[in-house]
PDB file of all heavy atoms in Angstrom:
ATOM      1  N   GLN A   1      93.256  99.906  90.502  1.00  0.00           N
ATOM      2  CA  GLN A   1      93.599  98.594  89.942  1.00  0.00           C
ATOM      3  C   GLN A   1      94.697  98.750  88.931  1.00  0.00           C
ATOM      4  O   GLN A   1      94.620  99.534  87.988  1.00  0.00           O
ATOM      5  CB  GLN A   1      92.235  98.036  89.189  1.00  0.00           C
ATOM      6  CG  GLN A   1      92.458  96.642  88.617  1.00  0.00           C
ATOM      7  CD  GLN A   1      91.196  96.028  88.276  1.00  0.00           C
ATOM      8  OE1 GLN A   1      90.201  96.652  88.010  1.00  0.00           O
ATOM      9  NE2 GLN A   1      91.139  94.738  88.234  1.00  0.00           N
ATOM     10  N   ALA A   2      95.766  98.100  89.212  1.00  0.00           N
ATOM     11  CA  ALA A   2      96.910  98.103  88.315  1.00  0.00           C
ATOM     12  C   ALA A   2      96.731  96.834  87.284  1.00  0.00           C
ATOM     13  O   ALA A   2      96.058  95.869  87.703  1.00  0.00           O
ATOM     14  CB  ALA A   2      98.222  98.007  89.031  1.00  0.00           C
ATOM     15  N   PRO A   3      97.407  96.910  86.230  1.00  0.00           N
ATOM     16  CA  PRO A   3      97.251  95.702  85.322  1.00  0.00           C
ATOM     17  C   PRO A   3      97.668  94.463  85.889  1.00  0.00           C
ATOM     18  O   PRO A   3      98.786  94.383  86.522  1.00  0.00           O
ATOM     19  CB  PRO A   3      98.267  96.162  84.119  1.00  0.00           C
ATOM     20  CG  PRO A   3      98.331  97.689  84.224  1.00  0.00           C
ATOM     21  CD  PRO A   3      98.166  98.004  85.672  1.00  0.00           C
ATOM     22  N   GLY A   4      96.766  93.460  85.793  1.00  0.00           N
ATOM     23  CA  GLY A   4      97.133  92.062  86.364  1.00  0.00           C
ATOM     24  C   GLY A   4      96.749  91.979  87.799  1.00  0.00           C
ATOM     25  O   GLY A   4      97.067  90.885  88.355  1.00  0.00           O
ATOM     26  N   ASN A   5      96.441  93.050  88.462  1.00  0.00           N
ATOM     27  CA  ASN A   5      96.085  93.045  89.865  1.00  0.00           C
ATOM     28  C   ASN A   5      94.563  93.226  90.134  1.00  0.00           C
ATOM     29  O   ASN A   5      93.905  93.724  89.308  1.00  0.00           O
ATOM     30  CB  ASN A   5      96.796  94.187  90.629  1.00  0.00           C
ATOM     31  CG  ASN A   5      98.383  93.895  90.641  1.00  0.00           C
ATOM     32  OD1 ASN A   5      98.798  92.901  90.196  1.00  0.00           O
ATOM     33  ND2 ASN A   5      99.062  94.907  91.140  1.00  0.00           N
ATOM     34  N   GLN A   6      94.203  92.773  91.302  1.00  0.00           N
ATOM     35  CA  GLN A   6      92.862  92.957  91.720  1.00  0.00           C
ATOM     36  C   GLN A   6      92.621  94.442  92.148  1.00  0.00           C
ATOM     37  O   GLN A   6      93.569  95.132  92.532  1.00  0.00           O
ATOM     38  CB  GLN A   6      92.486  92.077  92.902  1.00  0.00           C
ATOM     39  CG  GLN A   6      92.443  90.601  92.575  1.00  0.00           C
ATOM     40  CD  GLN A   6      91.925  89.742  93.681  1.00  0.00           C
ATOM     41  OE1 GLN A   6      92.096  90.089  94.787  1.00  0.00           O
ATOM     42  NE2 GLN A   6      91.296  88.634  93.314  1.00  0.00           N
ATOM     43  N   ARG A   7      91.402  94.859  92.029  1.00  0.00           N
ATOM     44  CA  ARG A   7      91.109  96.230  92.496  1.00  0.00           C
ATOM     45  C   ARG A   7      91.229  96.210  94.030  1.00  0.00           C
ATOM     46  O   ARG A   7      90.826  95.304  94.822  1.00  0.00           O
ATOM     47  CB  ARG A   7      89.614  96.656  92.162  1.00  0.00           C
ATOM     48  CG  ARG A   7      89.377  98.041  92.305  1.00  0.00           C
ATOM     49  CD  ARG A   7      87.975  98.349  91.695  1.00  0.00           C
ATOM     50  NE  ARG A   7      88.023  98.113  90.231  1.00  0.00           N
ATOM     51  CZ  ARG A   7      86.964  98.552  89.388  1.00  0.00           C
ATOM     52  NH1 ARG A   7      85.923  99.081  89.902  1.00  0.00           N
ATOM     53  NH2 ARG A   7      87.110  98.278  88.126  1.00  0.00           N
ATOM     54  N   GLU A   8      91.896  97.346  94.542  1.00  0.00           N
ATOM     55  CA  GLU A   8      92.096  97.460  95.953  1.00  0.00           C
ATOM     56  C   GLU A   8      91.731  98.758  96.499  1.00  0.00           C
ATOM     57  O   GLU A   8      91.745  99.798  95.758  1.00  0.00           O
ATOM     58  CB  GLU A   8      93.654  97.154  96.232  1.00  0.00           C
ATOM     59  CG  GLU A   8      94.561  98.209  95.633  1.00  0.00           C
ATOM     60  CD  GLU A   8      95.959  98.040  96.085  1.00  0.00           C
ATOM     61  OE1 GLU A   8      96.392  97.141  96.834  1.00  0.00           O
ATOM     62  OE2 GLU A   8      96.766  98.851  95.637  1.00  0.00           O
ATOM     63  N   LEU A   9      91.302  98.756  97.843  1.00  0.00           N
ATOM     64  CA  LEU A   9      90.879  99.990  98.481  1.00  0.00           C
ATOM     65  C   LEU A   9      92.207 100.792  98.739  1.00  0.00           C
ATOM     66  O   LEU A   9      93.220 100.311  99.275  1.00  0.00           O
ATOM     67  CB  LEU A   9      90.254  99.706  99.750  1.00  0.00           C
ATOM     68  CG  LEU A   9      89.850 100.963 100.651  1.00  0.00           C
ATOM     69  CD1 LEU A   9      88.812 101.767  99.868  1.00  0.00           C
ATOM     70  CD2 LEU A   9      89.354 100.403 102.030  1.00  0.00           C
ATOM     71  N   VAL A  10      92.145 102.122  98.408  1.00  0.00           N
ATOM     72  CA  VAL A  10      93.253 103.126  98.680  1.00  0.00           C
ATOM     73  C   VAL A  10      92.894 103.870  99.916  1.00  0.00           C
ATOM     74  O   VAL A  10      93.726 103.888 100.840  1.00  0.00           O
ATOM     75  CB  VAL A  10      93.425 104.108  97.457  1.00  0.00           C
ATOM     76  CG1 VAL A  10      94.572 105.046  97.849  1.00  0.00           C
ATOM     77  CG2 VAL A  10      93.761 103.243  96.260  1.00  0.00           C
ATOM     78  N   ALA A  11      91.703 104.403 100.008  1.00  0.00           N
ATOM     79  CA  ALA A  11      91.240 105.186 101.128  1.00  0.00           C
ATOM     80  C   ALA A  11      89.700 105.219 101.153  1.00  0.00           C
ATOM     81  O   ALA A  11      89.129 105.292 100.061  1.00  0.00           O
ATOM     82  CB  ALA A  11      91.806 106.565 101.104  1.00  0.00           C
ATOM     83  N   GLY A  12      89.113 105.208 102.276  1.00  0.00           N
ATOM     84  CA  GLY A  12      87.631 105.354 102.450  1.00  0.00           C
ATOM     85  C   GLY A  12      87.248 106.147 103.621  1.00  0.00           C
ATOM     86  O   GLY A  12      87.993 106.283 104.599  1.00  0.00           O
ATOM     87  N   ILE A  13      86.054 106.702 103.565  1.00  0.00           N
ATOM     88  CA  ILE A  13      85.390 107.294 104.666  1.00  0.00           C
ATOM     89  C   ILE A  13      84.048 106.674 104.967  1.00  0.00           C
ATOM     90  O   ILE A  13      83.184 106.556 103.993  1.00  0.00           O
ATOM     91  CB  ILE A  13      85.189 108.853 104.384  1.00  0.00           C
ATOM     92  CG1 ILE A  13      86.531 109.490 104.212  1.00  0.00           C
ATOM     93  CG2 ILE A  13      84.466 109.457 105.542  1.00  0.00           C
ATOM     94  CD1 ILE A  13      86.400 111.046 103.974  1.00  0.00           C
ATOM     95  N   GLY A  14      83.807 106.253 106.204  1.00  0.00           N
ATOM     96  CA  GLY A  14      82.534 105.617 106.544  1.00  0.00           C
ATOM     97  C   GLY A  14      81.522 106.813 106.891  1.00  0.00           C
ATOM     98  O   GLY A  14      81.876 107.940 106.908  1.00  0.00           O
ATOM     99  N   SER A  15      80.295 106.357 107.183  1.00  0.00           N
ATOM    100  CA  SER A  15      79.263 107.318 107.497  1.00  0.00           C
ATOM    101  C   SER A  15      79.580 108.159 108.775  1.00  0.00           C
ATOM    102  O   SER A  15      79.085 109.235 108.959  1.00  0.00           O
ATOM    103  CB  SER A  15      77.929 106.598 107.701  1.00  0.00           C
ATOM    104  OG  SER A  15      78.005 105.545 108.666  1.00  0.00           O
ATOM    105  N   GLY A  16      80.413 107.541 109.641  1.00  0.00           N
ATOM    106  CA  GLY A  16      80.814 108.214 110.869  1.00  0.00           C
ATOM    107  C   GLY A  16      81.847 109.253 110.681  1.00  0.00           C
ATOM    108  O   GLY A  16      82.209 110.022 111.552  1.00  0.00           O
ATOM    109  N   GLY A  17      82.465 109.285 109.507  1.00  0.00           N
ATOM    110  CA  GLY A  17      83.469 110.270 109.164  1.00  0.00           C
ATOM    111  C   GLY A  17      84.876 109.725 109.374  1.00  0.00           C
ATOM    112  O   GLY A  17      85.789 110.464 109.083  1.00  0.00           O
ATOM    113  N   SER A  18      85.069 108.525 109.907  1.00  0.00           N
ATOM    114  CA  SER A  18      86.412 108.146 110.132  1.00  0.00           C
ATOM    115  C   SER A  18      87.041 107.613 108.775  1.00  0.00           C
ATOM    116  O   SER A  18      86.341 106.994 107.954  1.00  0.00           O
ATOM    117  CB  SER A  18      86.421 106.967 111.146  1.00  0.00           C
ATOM    118  OG  SER A  18      85.605 105.930 110.829  1.00  0.00           O
ATOM    119  N   ALA A  19      88.313 107.843 108.634  1.00  0.00           N
ATOM    120  CA  ALA A  19      88.947 107.402 107.347  1.00  0.00           C
ATOM    121  C   ALA A  19      89.844 106.277 107.611  1.00  0.00           C
ATOM    122  O   ALA A  19      90.359 106.020 108.656  1.00  0.00           O
ATOM    123  CB  ALA A  19      89.802 108.584 106.819  1.00  0.00           C
ATOM    124  N   THR A  20      90.026 105.499 106.496  1.00  0.00           N
ATOM    125  CA  THR A  20      90.832 104.318 106.561  1.00  0.00           C
ATOM    126  C   THR A  20      91.720 104.347 105.257  1.00  0.00           C
ATOM    127  O   THR A  20      91.346 104.816 104.258  1.00  0.00           O
ATOM    128  CB  THR A  20      89.986 103.029 106.583  1.00  0.00           C
ATOM    129  OG1 THR A  20      90.953 101.894 106.676  1.00  0.00           O
ATOM    130  CG2 THR A  20      89.198 102.847 105.397  1.00  0.00           C
ATOM    131  N   TYR A  21      93.007 103.835 105.428  1.00  0.00           N
ATOM    132  CA  TYR A  21      93.912 103.896 104.343  1.00  0.00           C
ATOM    133  C   TYR A  21      94.671 102.573 104.111  1.00  0.00           C
ATOM    134  O   TYR A  21      94.887 101.901 105.173  1.00  0.00           O
ATOM    135  CB  TYR A  21      95.003 105.002 104.611  1.00  0.00           C
ATOM    136  CG  TYR A  21      94.464 106.441 104.671  1.00  0.00           C
ATOM    137  CD1 TYR A  21      94.052 106.995 105.869  1.00  0.00           C
ATOM    138  CD2 TYR A  21      94.253 107.199 103.494  1.00  0.00           C
ATOM    139  CE1 TYR A  21      93.615 108.326 105.978  1.00  0.00           C
ATOM    140  CE2 TYR A  21      93.804 108.468 103.632  1.00  0.00           C
ATOM    141  CZ  TYR A  21      93.455 109.012 104.753  1.00  0.00           C
ATOM    142  OH  TYR A  21      92.901 110.257 104.858  1.00  0.00           O
ATOM    143  N   ALA A  22      94.900 102.239 102.886  1.00  0.00           N
ATOM    144  CA  ALA A  22      95.813 101.055 102.648  1.00  0.00           C
ATOM    145  C   ALA A  22      97.131 101.431 103.262  1.00  0.00           C
ATOM    146  O   ALA A  22      97.583 102.518 103.239  1.00  0.00           O
ATOM    147  CB  ALA A  22      95.839 100.895 101.109  1.00  0.00           C
ATOM    148  N   ASN A  23      97.788 100.303 103.687  1.00  0.00           N
ATOM    149  CA  ASN A  23      99.204 100.484 104.298  1.00  0.00           C
ATOM    150  C   ASN A  23     100.111 101.082 103.331  1.00  0.00           C
ATOM    151  O   ASN A  23     100.968 101.878 103.683  1.00  0.00           O
ATOM    152  CB  ASN A  23      99.648  99.148 104.780  1.00  0.00           C
ATOM    153  CG  ASN A  23      98.939  98.610 106.018  1.00  0.00           C
ATOM    154  OD1 ASN A  23      98.415  99.377 106.802  1.00  0.00           O
ATOM    155  ND2 ASN A  23      98.949  97.325 106.183  1.00  0.00           N
ATOM    156  N   SER A  24      99.978 100.774 102.063  1.00  0.00           N
ATOM    157  CA  SER A  24     100.877 101.203 101.021  1.00  0.00           C
ATOM    158  C   SER A  24     100.825 102.761 100.860  1.00  0.00           C
ATOM    159  O   SER A  24     101.730 103.264 100.198  1.00  0.00           O
ATOM    160  CB  SER A  24     100.597 100.459  99.727  1.00  0.00           C
ATOM    161  OG  SER A  24      99.226 100.730  99.269  1.00  0.00           O
ATOM    162  N   VAL A  25      99.745 103.463 101.285  1.00  0.00           N
ATOM    163  CA  VAL A  25      99.549 104.814 101.039  1.00  0.00           C
ATOM    164  C   VAL A  25      99.479 105.628 102.274  1.00  0.00           C
ATOM    165  O   VAL A  25      99.494 106.878 102.289  1.00  0.00           O
ATOM    166  CB  VAL A  25      98.288 105.159 100.156  1.00  0.00           C
ATOM    167  CG1 VAL A  25      98.392 104.471  98.795  1.00  0.00           C
ATOM    168  CG2 VAL A  25      97.136 104.891 100.894  1.00  0.00           C
ATOM    169  N   LYS A  26      99.555 105.068 103.462  1.00  0.00           N
ATOM    170  CA  LYS A  26      99.508 105.738 104.751  1.00  0.00           C
ATOM    171  C   LYS A  26     100.623 106.706 104.838  1.00  0.00           C
ATOM    172  O   LYS A  26     101.799 106.436 104.483  1.00  0.00           O
ATOM    173  CB  LYS A  26      99.606 104.748 105.921  1.00  0.00           C
ATOM    174  CG  LYS A  26      98.274 104.109 106.289  1.00  0.00           C
ATOM    175  CD  LYS A  26      98.417 103.247 107.362  1.00  0.00           C
ATOM    176  CE  LYS A  26      97.007 102.498 107.710  1.00  0.00           C
ATOM    177  NZ  LYS A  26      97.201 101.538 108.866  1.00  0.00           N
ATOM    178  N   GLY A  27     100.312 107.915 105.211  1.00  0.00           N
ATOM    179  CA  GLY A  27     101.269 109.019 105.250  1.00  0.00           C
ATOM    180  C   GLY A  27     101.402 109.731 104.010  1.00  0.00           C
ATOM    181  O   GLY A  27     102.068 110.850 103.944  1.00  0.00           O
ATOM    182  N   ARG A  28     100.841 109.201 102.903  1.00  0.00           N
ATOM    183  CA  ARG A  28     101.057 109.838 101.608  1.00  0.00           C
ATOM    184  C   ARG A  28      99.650 110.245 100.968  1.00  0.00           C
ATOM    185  O   ARG A  28      99.623 110.880  99.954  1.00  0.00           O
ATOM    186  CB  ARG A  28     101.760 108.890 100.589  1.00  0.00           C
ATOM    187  CG  ARG A  28     103.123 108.527 101.133  1.00  0.00           C
ATOM    188  CD  ARG A  28     103.894 107.758  99.957  1.00  0.00           C
ATOM    189  NE  ARG A  28     103.226 106.466  99.593  1.00  0.00           N
ATOM    190  CZ  ARG A  28     102.743 106.246  98.344  1.00  0.00           C
ATOM    191  NH1 ARG A  28     102.858 107.140  97.384  1.00  0.00           N
ATOM    192  NH2 ARG A  28     102.270 105.151  98.070  1.00  0.00           N
ATOM    193  N   ALA A  29      98.610 109.759 101.521  1.00  0.00           N
ATOM    194  CA  ALA A  29      97.256 109.977 101.012  1.00  0.00           C
ATOM    195  C   ALA A  29      96.373 110.653 102.058  1.00  0.00           C
ATOM    196  O   ALA A  29      96.489 110.312 103.250  1.00  0.00           O
ATOM    197  CB  ALA A  29      96.669 108.701 100.509  1.00  0.00           C
ATOM    198  N   THR A  30      95.460 111.507 101.624  1.00  0.00           N
ATOM    199  CA  THR A  30      94.505 112.190 102.455  1.00  0.00           C
ATOM    200  C   THR A  30      93.204 112.124 101.716  1.00  0.00           C
ATOM    201  O   THR A  30      93.094 112.724 100.613  1.00  0.00           O
ATOM    202  CB  THR A  30      94.836 113.593 102.791  1.00  0.00           C
ATOM    203  OG1 THR A  30      96.130 113.632 103.446  1.00  0.00           O
ATOM    204  CG2 THR A  30      93.857 114.180 103.758  1.00  0.00           C
ATOM    205  N   ILE A  31      92.189 111.562 102.268  1.00  0.00           N
ATOM    206  CA  ILE A  31      90.852 111.541 101.695  1.00  0.00           C
ATOM    207  C   ILE A  31      89.996 112.567 102.519  1.00  0.00           C
ATOM    208  O   ILE A  31      90.126 112.761 103.690  1.00  0.00           O
ATOM    209  CB  ILE A  31      90.238 110.142 101.810  1.00  0.00           C
ATOM    210  CG1 ILE A  31      88.895 110.096 100.942  1.00  0.00           C
ATOM    211  CG2 ILE A  31      90.038 109.698 103.219  1.00  0.00           C
ATOM    212  CD1 ILE A  31      88.379 108.696 100.801  1.00  0.00           C
ATOM    213  N   SER A  32      89.208 113.287 101.675  1.00  0.00           N
ATOM    214  CA  SER A  32      88.392 114.355 102.353  1.00  0.00           C
ATOM    215  C   SER A  32      87.127 114.503 101.557  1.00  0.00           C
ATOM    216  O   SER A  32      87.002 114.167 100.407  1.00  0.00           O
ATOM    217  CB  SER A  32      89.127 115.651 102.359  1.00  0.00           C
ATOM    218  OG  SER A  32      89.474 116.146 101.057  1.00  0.00           O
ATOM    219  N   ARG A  33      86.114 115.132 102.242  1.00  0.00           N
ATOM    220  CA  ARG A  33      84.826 115.334 101.567  1.00  0.00           C
ATOM    221  C   ARG A  33      84.489 116.847 101.540  1.00  0.00           C
ATOM    222  O   ARG A  33      84.776 117.515 102.551  1.00  0.00           O
ATOM    223  CB  ARG A  33      83.676 114.615 102.337  1.00  0.00           C
ATOM    224  CG  ARG A  33      83.889 113.171 102.533  1.00  0.00           C
ATOM    225  CD  ARG A  33      82.665 112.491 103.165  1.00  0.00           C
ATOM    226  NE  ARG A  33      81.986 113.180 104.167  1.00  0.00           N
ATOM    227  CZ  ARG A  33      81.038 112.742 105.053  1.00  0.00           C
ATOM    228  NH1 ARG A  33      80.753 111.447 104.899  1.00  0.00           N
ATOM    229  NH2 ARG A  33      80.429 113.437 105.894  1.00  0.00           N
ATOM    230  N   GLU A  34      83.967 117.274 100.496  1.00  0.00           N
ATOM    231  CA  GLU A  34      83.544 118.659 100.364  1.00  0.00           C
ATOM    232  C   GLU A  34      82.021 118.616 100.288  1.00  0.00           C
ATOM    233  O   GLU A  34      81.454 118.515  99.138  1.00  0.00           O
ATOM    234  CB  GLU A  34      84.204 119.315  99.106  1.00  0.00           C
ATOM    235  CG  GLU A  34      84.007 120.762  99.006  1.00  0.00           C
ATOM    236  CD  GLU A  34      84.847 121.401  97.903  1.00  0.00           C
ATOM    237  OE1 GLU A  34      85.462 120.677  97.129  1.00  0.00           O
ATOM    238  OE2 GLU A  34      84.660 122.619  97.672  1.00  0.00           O
ATOM    239  N   ASN A  35      81.401 118.702 101.416  1.00  0.00           N
ATOM    240  CA  ASN A  35      79.976 118.361 101.555  1.00  0.00           C
ATOM    241  C   ASN A  35      79.099 119.271 100.718  1.00  0.00           C
ATOM    242  O   ASN A  35      78.166 118.845 100.032  1.00  0.00           O
ATOM    243  CB  ASN A  35      79.571 118.424 102.998  1.00  0.00           C
ATOM    244  CG  ASN A  35      80.133 117.340 103.838  1.00  0.00           C
ATOM    245  OD1 ASN A  35      80.604 116.298 103.336  1.00  0.00           O
ATOM    246  ND2 ASN A  35      80.399 117.549 105.108  1.00  0.00           N
ATOM    247  N   ALA A  36      79.474 120.599 100.657  1.00  0.00           N
ATOM    248  CA  ALA A  36      78.580 121.556  99.996  1.00  0.00           C
ATOM    249  C   ALA A  36      78.623 121.231  98.473  1.00  0.00           C
ATOM    250  O   ALA A  36      77.579 121.653  97.820  1.00  0.00           O
ATOM    251  CB  ALA A  36      79.112 123.008 100.196  1.00  0.00           C
ATOM    252  N   LYS A  37      79.559 120.503  98.016  1.00  0.00           N
ATOM    253  CA  LYS A  37      79.655 120.374  96.573  1.00  0.00           C
ATOM    254  C   LYS A  37      79.488 118.847  96.231  1.00  0.00           C
ATOM    255  O   LYS A  37      79.739 118.413  95.113  1.00  0.00           O
ATOM    256  CB  LYS A  37      80.996 120.749  95.975  1.00  0.00           C
ATOM    257  CG  LYS A  37      81.264 122.259  96.032  1.00  0.00           C
ATOM    258  CD  LYS A  37      82.532 122.711  95.373  1.00  0.00           C
ATOM    259  CE  LYS A  37      82.691 124.236  95.387  1.00  0.00           C
ATOM    260  NZ  LYS A  37      83.876 124.702  94.651  1.00  0.00           N
ATOM    261  N   ASN A  38      79.096 118.045  97.307  1.00  0.00           N
ATOM    262  CA  ASN A  38      78.922 116.571  97.052  1.00  0.00           C
ATOM    263  C   ASN A  38      80.154 116.008  96.408  1.00  0.00           C
ATOM    264  O   ASN A  38      79.992 115.250  95.396  1.00  0.00           O
ATOM    265  CB  ASN A  38      77.621 116.332  96.279  1.00  0.00           C
ATOM    266  CG  ASN A  38      76.437 116.627  97.119  1.00  0.00           C
ATOM    267  OD1 ASN A  38      76.377 116.540  98.338  1.00  0.00           O
ATOM    268  ND2 ASN A  38      75.339 117.053  96.378  1.00  0.00           N
ATOM    269  N   THR A  39      81.246 116.341  96.940  1.00  0.00           N
ATOM    270  CA  THR A  39      82.518 115.905  96.208  1.00  0.00           C
ATOM    271  C   THR A  39      83.459 115.260  97.217  1.00  0.00           C
ATOM    272  O   THR A  39      83.635 115.667  98.282  1.00  0.00           O
ATOM    273  CB  THR A  39      83.140 117.115  95.570  1.00  0.00           C
ATOM    274  OG1 THR A  39      82.339 117.728  94.555  1.00  0.00           O
ATOM    275  CG2 THR A  39      84.488 116.748  94.880  1.00  0.00           C
ATOM    276  N   LEU A  40      84.083 114.201  96.702  1.00  0.00           N
ATOM    277  CA  LEU A  40      85.116 113.493  97.508  1.00  0.00           C
ATOM    278  C   LEU A  40      86.423 113.646  96.770  1.00  0.00           C
ATOM    279  O   LEU A  40      86.562 113.692  95.570  1.00  0.00           O
ATOM    280  CB  LEU A  40      84.765 111.973  97.441  1.00  0.00           C
ATOM    281  CG  LEU A  40      85.698 111.058  98.195  1.00  0.00           C
ATOM    282  CD1 LEU A  40      85.432 111.242  99.704  1.00  0.00           C
ATOM    283  CD2 LEU A  40      85.474 109.621  97.769  1.00  0.00           C
ATOM    284  N   HIS A  41      87.464 113.978  97.632  1.00  0.00           N
ATOM    285  CA  HIS A  41      88.729 114.184  97.148  1.00  0.00           C
ATOM    286  C   HIS A  41      89.805 113.161  97.657  1.00  0.00           C
ATOM    287  O   HIS A  41      89.574 112.570  98.659  1.00  0.00           O
ATOM    288  CB  HIS A  41      89.359 115.614  97.579  1.00  0.00           C
ATOM    289  CG  HIS A  41      88.482 116.806  97.106  1.00  0.00           C
ATOM    290  ND1 HIS A  41      88.387 117.111  95.774  1.00  0.00           N
ATOM    291  CD2 HIS A  41      87.689 117.605  97.789  1.00  0.00           C
ATOM    292  CE1 HIS A  41      87.572 118.168  95.652  1.00  0.00           C
ATOM    293  NE2 HIS A  41      87.149 118.514  96.803  1.00  0.00           N
ATOM    294  N   LEU A  42      90.807 112.984  96.907  1.00  0.00           N
ATOM    295  CA  LEU A  42      91.943 112.181  97.368  1.00  0.00           C
ATOM    296  C   LEU A  42      93.218 112.902  96.959  1.00  0.00           C
ATOM    297  O   LEU A  42      93.402 113.151  95.804  1.00  0.00           O
ATOM    298  CB  LEU A  42      91.928 110.825  96.714  1.00  0.00           C
ATOM    299  CG  LEU A  42      93.164 109.900  97.081  1.00  0.00           C
ATOM    300  CD1 LEU A  42      93.046 109.495  98.588  1.00  0.00           C
ATOM    301  CD2 LEU A  42      93.159 108.660  96.280  1.00  0.00           C
TER     302      LEU A  42
END
C-alpha cells in the first residue's frame, strides 16, 4: 500500500502451490515458501 492508494496484491500462492503476480511486478518478483521454517519469502 502506497500513500493515497488502496492495498494491492503483489504476489500470492494458493493451497495448490501455484503463484500469481501483479502485472506491475511480473518478471521482477518471485514468491516462495520455506515449508520447514513456516516462512514465506518475496
